[in-house]
Every structure is written in structure tokens, then in C-alpha cells.
Amino acid sequence: PICVWSMITCAVVIIGGNILPGRFVFGSLMISFLAGVAMALFFYNRAVNNVIGILKDHVFATFYITLPLALGISVVSEPNGIAWLFFLFLAVFASDIGAFYVGSFLGKHKLCPKISPNKSVEGAIGGFILSLICTLTYQEIWLPEISLTQTLPLAILCALASQIGDLFESVIKRSMG
């Protein structure tokens, strides 16, 4: 029941976030949390640790799936929103591609061997540089009204967040077995 509830919550937040303004997303996430607590307590007559573990999984799944999608919907509704969403996707894709190829050919120093044994410092630098090059080029073509001084900090932040997010996903993958 908790997995089903998580998926229903995701659908409601995404659809509702597309129709109604900002407070709906936060409110529906809070309702989801409270409903998850109630379901965990009523449907699981087990030890408290197990209920807390189930609830933790529900909350994590709900926020991990729903929040980025709801924010994406929010961004698209803004002026040039689709262009900015593609900016973000490009930053992440370029970072992953650059990290993979530079790390494959030049990687010698492990970045975080316990988290992700194949990631290298050289790959992270390559991904960061390719992400910057691609996003700044994209900005010049598709978002010319935005200055380089405004875009550069955002491009740096997206490139760094992409690397950190990739490591975080590796942590999730390792913790799941």
C-alpha cells in the first residue's frame, strides 16, 4: 500500500502542480506525508523501526520523484521556461558525457572509490568543463537576452550539482545492493 500511495501522490502533485499555483505542491506533499504515516501505522503491525523504515522509503520516494517533476512544471510555465529546462538537461547530459569519456581515456585518480569505483577526478573535471562549454554556448544561441555574467554562475552551479547528484545516485544504488 505504501508504494501505491507514493505513486498516487506523485501523480496528484504533478497534475495538480500543472493546474494550480505553488501552494498546491507543498500542501499535497504534506498531505502525502501524513497519509503515509497513517498507512504505516495502520497497515503494519510490526516493530516501530520497520514502520519508520517504510515511512522513510515512502517520503524519500515521494520527494525524490515528485519534487523535481513539479519544479520542472513550474519552470516551464515561466517565460523562456522550456529553454531554461533544456539548459538544465544540457548541463546534466554534458556533464555525464564529458565525465564518462574523459574518465575513460584519462582517468587515473579515483574520485570516491567507496561510492562509485569507476568515477575519476579527471572525469569529474572533464564533465565540469564540457558542461560549462555546452551551457554557455546554448545560452548564446537560445537565451541571448541573458548576459554571460548572469549565466556563468548558473552554469557552474548546474555543472557542480550534476556531479554531486551523480554521486548521490551512486550512493542510493550502493545502499540498495
C-alpha atoms as a PDB file:
ATOM      1  CA  PRO A   1       0.000   0.000   0.000  1.00  0.00           C
ATOM      2  CA  ILE A   2       2.840   2.460   0.723  1.00  0.00           C
ATOM      3  CA  CYS A   3       4.329   2.090  -2.779  1.00  0.00           C
ATOM      4  CA  VAL A   4       0.913   2.590  -4.357  1.00  0.00           C
ATOM      5  CA  TRP A   5       0.339   5.647  -2.173  1.00  0.00           C
ATOM      6  CA  SER A   6       3.709   7.094  -3.217  1.00  0.00           C
ATOM      7  CA  MET A   7       2.824   6.714  -6.892  1.00  0.00           C
ATOM      8  CA  ILE A   8      -0.634   8.240  -6.401  1.00  0.00           C
ATOM      9  CA  THR A   9       0.945  11.170  -4.573  1.00  0.00           C
ATOM     10  CA  CYS A  10       3.407  11.720  -7.394  1.00  0.00           C
ATOM     11  CA  ALA A  11       0.608  11.768  -9.971  1.00  0.00           C
ATOM     12  CA  VAL A  12      -1.568  14.134  -7.917  1.00  0.00           C
ATOM     13  CA  VAL A  13       1.267  16.569  -7.249  1.00  0.00           C
ATOM     14  CA  ILE A  14       2.423  16.614 -10.861  1.00  0.00           C
ATOM     15  CA  ILE A  15      -1.067  17.028 -12.320  1.00  0.00           C
ATOM     16  CA  GLY A  16      -2.165  19.471  -9.615  1.00  0.00           C
ATOM     17  CA  GLY A  17       1.062  21.458  -9.867  1.00  0.00           C
ATOM     18  CA  ASN A  18       0.390  21.898 -13.554  1.00  0.00           C
ATOM     19  CA  ILE A  19      -3.136  23.186 -12.952  1.00  0.00           C
ATOM     20  CA  LEU A  20      -2.885  25.100  -9.666  1.00  0.00           C
ATOM     21  CA  PRO A  21      -0.226  27.541  -8.413  1.00  0.00           C
ATOM     22  CA  GLY A  22       2.655  26.826  -5.990  1.00  0.00           C
ATOM     23  CA  ARG A  23       0.953  26.151  -2.649  1.00  0.00           C
ATOM     24  CA  PHE A  24      -0.794  23.097  -4.048  1.00  0.00           C
ATOM     25  CA  VAL A  25       2.503  21.228  -4.462  1.00  0.00           C
ATOM     26  CA  PHE A  26       3.607  21.878  -0.883  1.00  0.00           C
ATOM     27  CA  GLY A  27       0.163  21.104   0.537  1.00  0.00           C
ATOM     28  CA  SER A  28      -0.195  17.854  -1.348  1.00  0.00           C
ATOM     29  CA  LEU A  29       3.289  16.749  -0.274  1.00  0.00           C
ATOM     30  CA  MET A  30       2.375  17.417   3.361  1.00  0.00           C
ATOM     31  CA  ILE A  31      -0.904  15.504   2.985  1.00  0.00           C
ATOM     32  CA  SER A  32       1.066  12.663   1.411  1.00  0.00           C
ATOM     33  CA  PHE A  33       3.443  12.593   4.354  1.00  0.00           C
ATOM     34  CA  LEU A  34       0.625  12.482   6.890  1.00  0.00           C
ATOM     35  CA  ALA A  35      -1.251   9.840   4.905  1.00  0.00           C
ATOM     36  CA  GLY A  36       1.948   7.787   4.690  1.00  0.00           C
ATOM     37  CA  VAL A  37       2.330   7.972   8.469  1.00  0.00           C
ATOM     38  CA  ALA A  38      -1.277   6.868   8.945  1.00  0.00           C
ATOM     39  CA  MET A  39      -0.917   3.988   6.474  1.00  0.00           C
ATOM     40  CA  ALA A  40       2.356   2.852   8.006  1.00  0.00           C
ATOM     41  CA  LEU A  41       0.774   2.777  11.465  1.00  0.00           C
ATOM     42  CA  PHE A  42      -2.482   1.087  10.468  1.00  0.00           C
ATOM     43  CA  PHE A  43      -1.278  -1.449   7.893  1.00  0.00           C
ATOM     44  CA  TYR A  44       1.931  -2.544   9.555  1.00  0.00           C
ATOM     45  CA  ASN A  45       1.635  -4.192  12.937  1.00  0.00           C
ATOM     46  CA  ARG A  46       5.359  -4.655  13.227  1.00  0.00           C
ATOM     47  CA  ALA A  47       8.181  -3.133  15.199  1.00  0.00           C
ATOM     48  CA  VAL A  48       8.424   0.649  15.256  1.00  0.00           C
ATOM     49  CA  ASN A  49      11.778   0.513  13.426  1.00  0.00           C
ATOM     50  CA  ASN A  50      10.155  -1.267  10.494  1.00  0.00           C
ATOM     51  CA  VAL A  51       7.312   1.265  10.343  1.00  0.00           C
ATOM     52  CA  ILE A  52       9.830   4.110  10.407  1.00  0.00           C
ATOM     53  CA  GLY A  53      11.840   2.415   7.661  1.00  0.00           C
ATOM     54  CA  ILE A  54       8.744   2.003   5.500  1.00  0.00           C
ATOM     55  CA  LEU A  55       7.731   5.605   6.103  1.00  0.00           C
ATOM     56  CA  LYS A  56      11.252   6.801   5.305  1.00  0.00           C
ATOM     57  CA  ASP A  57      11.119   4.962   1.984  1.00  0.00           C
ATOM     58  CA  HIS A  58       7.698   6.468   1.218  1.00  0.00           C
ATOM     59  CA  VAL A  59       8.811  10.026   1.980  1.00  0.00           C
ATOM     60  CA  PHE A  60      12.067   9.656   0.076  1.00  0.00           C
ATOM     61  CA  ALA A  61      10.365   8.162  -2.980  1.00  0.00           C
ATOM     62  CA  THR A  62       7.671  10.815  -2.970  1.00  0.00           C
ATOM     63  CA  PHE A  63      10.078  13.738  -2.742  1.00  0.00           C
ATOM     64  CA  TYR A  64      12.772  12.249  -4.993  1.00  0.00           C
ATOM     65  CA  ILE A  65      10.322  11.656  -7.845  1.00  0.00           C
ATOM     66  CA  THR A  66       7.753  14.374  -7.331  1.00  0.00           C
ATOM     67  CA  LEU A  67       9.737  17.437  -6.364  1.00  0.00           C
ATOM     68  CA  PRO A  68      11.934  17.608  -9.500  1.00  0.00           C
ATOM     69  CA  LEU A  69       8.946  16.966 -11.756  1.00  0.00           C
ATOM     70  CA  ALA A  70       6.824  19.585 -10.001  1.00  0.00           C
ATOM     71  CA  LEU A  71       9.664  22.102 -10.191  1.00  0.00           C
ATOM     72  CA  GLY A  72      10.109  21.291 -13.878  1.00  0.00           C
ATOM     73  CA  ILE A  73       6.445  22.073 -14.464  1.00  0.00           C
ATOM     74  CA  SER A  74       6.887  25.316 -12.562  1.00  0.00           C
ATOM     75  CA  VAL A  75       9.920  26.296 -14.665  1.00  0.00           C
ATOM     76  CA  VAL A  76       8.162  25.531 -17.963  1.00  0.00           C
ATOM     77  CA  SER A  77       5.315  27.866 -17.044  1.00  0.00           C
ATOM     78  CA  GLU A  78       7.739  30.823 -16.782  1.00  0.00           C
ATOM     79  CA  PRO A  79       8.879  32.977 -19.731  1.00  0.00           C
ATOM     80  CA  ASN A  80      11.538  31.045 -21.698  1.00  0.00           C
ATOM     81  CA  GLY A  81      10.779  28.147 -19.340  1.00  0.00           C
ATOM     82  CA  ILE A  82      11.301  25.415 -21.916  1.00  0.00           C
ATOM     83  CA  ALA A  83      14.635  26.955 -22.933  1.00  0.00           C
ATOM     84  CA  TRP A  84      15.738  27.026 -19.273  1.00  0.00           C
ATOM     85  CA  LEU A  85      14.631  23.436 -18.731  1.00  0.00           C
ATOM     86  CA  PHE A  86      16.691  22.369 -21.751  1.00  0.00           C
ATOM     87  CA  PHE A  87      19.588  24.400 -20.301  1.00  0.00           C
ATOM     88  CA  LEU A  88      19.384  22.249 -17.175  1.00  0.00           C
ATOM     89  CA  PHE A  89      19.110  18.985 -19.132  1.00  0.00           C
ATOM     90  CA  LEU A  90      22.051  20.007 -21.306  1.00  0.00           C
ATOM     91  CA  ALA A  91      24.158  20.794 -18.236  1.00  0.00           C
ATOM     92  CA  VAL A  92      23.468  17.353 -16.767  1.00  0.00           C
ATOM     93  CA  PHE A  93      23.856  15.398 -20.018  1.00  0.00           C
ATOM     94  CA  ALA A  94      27.074  17.205 -20.976  1.00  0.00           C
ATOM     95  CA  SER A  95      28.498  16.645 -17.510  1.00  0.00           C
ATOM     96  CA  ASP A  96      27.746  12.910 -17.666  1.00  0.00           C
ATOM     97  CA  ILE A  97      29.088  12.515 -21.201  1.00  0.00           C
ATOM     98  CA  GLY A  98      32.235  14.544 -20.523  1.00  0.00           C
ATOM     99  CA  ALA A  99      32.906  12.699 -17.280  1.00  0.00           C
ATOM    100  CA  PHE A 100      32.455   9.327 -18.961  1.00  0.00           C
ATOM    101  CA  TYR A 101      34.739   9.940 -21.937  1.00  0.00           C
ATOM    102  CA  VAL A 102      37.442  11.943 -20.192  1.00  0.00           C
ATOM    103  CA  GLY A 103      37.400   9.496 -17.282  1.00  0.00           C
ATOM    104  CA  SER A 104      37.563   6.504 -19.648  1.00  0.00           C
ATOM    105  CA  PHE A 105      40.580   7.802 -21.544  1.00  0.00           C
ATOM    106  CA  LEU A 106      42.457   9.902 -18.986  1.00  0.00           C
ATOM    107  CA  GLY A 107      41.128   8.803 -15.588  1.00  0.00           C
ATOM    108  CA  LYS A 108      43.866   7.777 -13.180  1.00  0.00           C
ATOM    109  CA  HIS A 109      42.819   9.161  -9.785  1.00  0.00           C
ATOM    110  CA  LYS A 110      39.688   7.732  -8.151  1.00  0.00           C
ATOM    111  CA  LEU A 111      37.135  10.347  -7.076  1.00  0.00           C
ATOM    112  CA  CYS A 112      35.160   8.403  -4.448  1.00  0.00           C
ATOM    113  CA  PRO A 113      36.081   4.724  -4.704  1.00  0.00           C
ATOM    114  CA  LYS A 114      33.711   3.571  -1.948  1.00  0.00           C
ATOM    115  CA  ILE A 115      30.737   5.346  -3.519  1.00  0.00           C
ATOM    116  CA  SER A 116      31.493   4.839  -7.197  1.00  0.00           C
ATOM    117  CA  PRO A 117      34.677   2.948  -8.018  1.00  0.00           C
ATOM    118  CA  ASN A 118      34.767   3.918 -11.712  1.00  0.00           C
ATOM    119  CA  LYS A 119      34.494   7.692 -11.283  1.00  0.00           C
ATOM    120  CA  SER A 120      37.747   9.615 -11.544  1.00  0.00           C
ATOM    121  CA  VAL A 121      38.890  13.128 -10.688  1.00  0.00           C
ATOM    122  CA  GLU A 122      39.873  13.655 -14.327  1.00  0.00           C
ATOM    123  CA  GLY A 123      36.413  12.562 -15.446  1.00  0.00           C
ATOM    124  CA  ALA A 124      34.753  14.968 -13.000  1.00  0.00           C
ATOM    125  CA  ILE A 125      36.887  17.834 -14.322  1.00  0.00           C
ATOM    126  CA  GLY A 126      36.132  16.845 -17.920  1.00  0.00           C
ATOM    127  CA  GLY A 127      32.415  16.679 -17.193  1.00  0.00           C
ATOM    128  CA  PHE A 128      32.507  20.051 -15.474  1.00  0.00           C
ATOM    129  CA  ILE A 129      34.332  21.693 -18.404  1.00  0.00           C
ATOM    130  CA  LEU A 130      32.094  20.140 -21.082  1.00  0.00           C
ATOM    131  CA  SER A 131      29.001  21.162 -19.132  1.00  0.00           C
ATOM    132  CA  LEU A 132      30.236  24.765 -18.952  1.00  0.00           C
ATOM    133  CA  ILE A 133      31.109  24.872 -22.644  1.00  0.00           C
ATOM    134  CA  CYS A 134      27.749  23.426 -23.713  1.00  0.00           C
ATOM    135  CA  THR A 135      25.563  25.525 -21.418  1.00  0.00           C
ATOM    136  CA  LEU A 136      27.342  28.793 -22.211  1.00  0.00           C
ATOM    137  CA  THR A 137      27.131  28.059 -25.944  1.00  0.00           C
ATOM    138  CA  TYR A 138      23.440  27.188 -25.554  1.00  0.00           C
ATOM    139  CA  GLN A 139      22.858  30.450 -23.682  1.00  0.00           C
ATOM    140  CA  GLU A 140      24.411  32.486 -26.506  1.00  0.00           C
ATOM    141  CA  ILE A 141      22.154  30.809 -29.087  1.00  0.00           C
ATOM    142  CA  TRP A 142      18.836  30.263 -27.274  1.00  0.00           C
ATOM    143  CA  LEU A 143      18.906  32.793 -24.418  1.00  0.00           C
ATOM    144  CA  PRO A 144      20.779  35.802 -25.884  1.00  0.00           C
ATOM    145  CA  GLU A 145      18.877  38.279 -23.701  1.00  0.00           C
ATOM    146  CA  ILE A 146      20.635  36.871 -20.629  1.00  0.00           C
ATOM    147  CA  SER A 147      24.182  38.137 -20.078  1.00  0.00           C
ATOM    148  CA  LEU A 148      27.201  35.895 -19.644  1.00  0.00           C
ATOM    149  CA  THR A 149      27.761  37.303 -16.136  1.00  0.00           C
ATOM    150  CA  GLN A 150      24.290  36.104 -15.179  1.00  0.00           C
ATOM    151  CA  THR A 151      24.601  32.734 -16.880  1.00  0.00           C
ATOM    152  CA  LEU A 152      28.121  31.771 -15.771  1.00  0.00           C
ATOM    153  CA  PRO A 153      27.278  31.296 -12.051  1.00  0.00           C
ATOM    154  CA  LEU A 154      24.213  29.263 -13.006  1.00  0.00           C
ATOM    155  CA  ALA A 155      26.241  27.129 -15.417  1.00  0.00           C
ATOM    156  CA  ILE A 156      28.863  26.500 -12.707  1.00  0.00           C
ATOM    157  CA  LEU A 157      26.155  25.611 -10.195  1.00  0.00           C
ATOM    158  CA  CYS A 158      24.433  23.226 -12.635  1.00  0.00           C
ATOM    159  CA  ALA A 159      27.720  21.520 -13.502  1.00  0.00           C
ATOM    160  CA  LEU A 160      28.611  21.039  -9.834  1.00  0.00           C
ATOM    161  CA  ALA A 161      25.095  19.925  -8.901  1.00  0.00           C
ATOM    162  CA  SER A 162      25.179  17.393 -11.728  1.00  0.00           C
ATOM    163  CA  GLN A 163      28.372  15.847 -10.371  1.00  0.00           C
ATOM    164  CA  ILE A 164      27.040  15.786  -6.810  1.00  0.00           C
ATOM    165  CA  GLY A 165      23.718  14.356  -7.994  1.00  0.00           C
ATOM    166  CA  ASP A 166      25.518  11.608  -9.879  1.00  0.00           C
ATOM    167  CA  LEU A 167      27.430  10.659  -6.732  1.00  0.00           C
ATOM    168  CA  PHE A 168      24.197  10.763  -4.713  1.00  0.00           C
ATOM    169  CA  GLU A 169      22.537   8.371  -7.158  1.00  0.00           C
ATOM    170  CA  SER A 170      25.544   6.084  -6.798  1.00  0.00           C
ATOM    171  CA  VAL A 171      25.065   6.147  -3.019  1.00  0.00           C
ATOM    172  CA  ILE A 172      21.409   5.176  -3.480  1.00  0.00           C
ATOM    173  CA  LYS A 173      22.389   2.393  -5.877  1.00  0.00           C
ATOM    174  CA  ARG A 174      25.030   1.028  -3.494  1.00  0.00           C
ATOM    175  CA  SER A 175      22.699   1.189  -0.490  1.00  0.00           C
ATOM    176  CA  MET A 176      20.057  -0.836  -2.366  1.00  0.00           C
ATOM    177  CA  GLY A 177      22.507  -3.626  -3.045  1.00  0.00           C
END
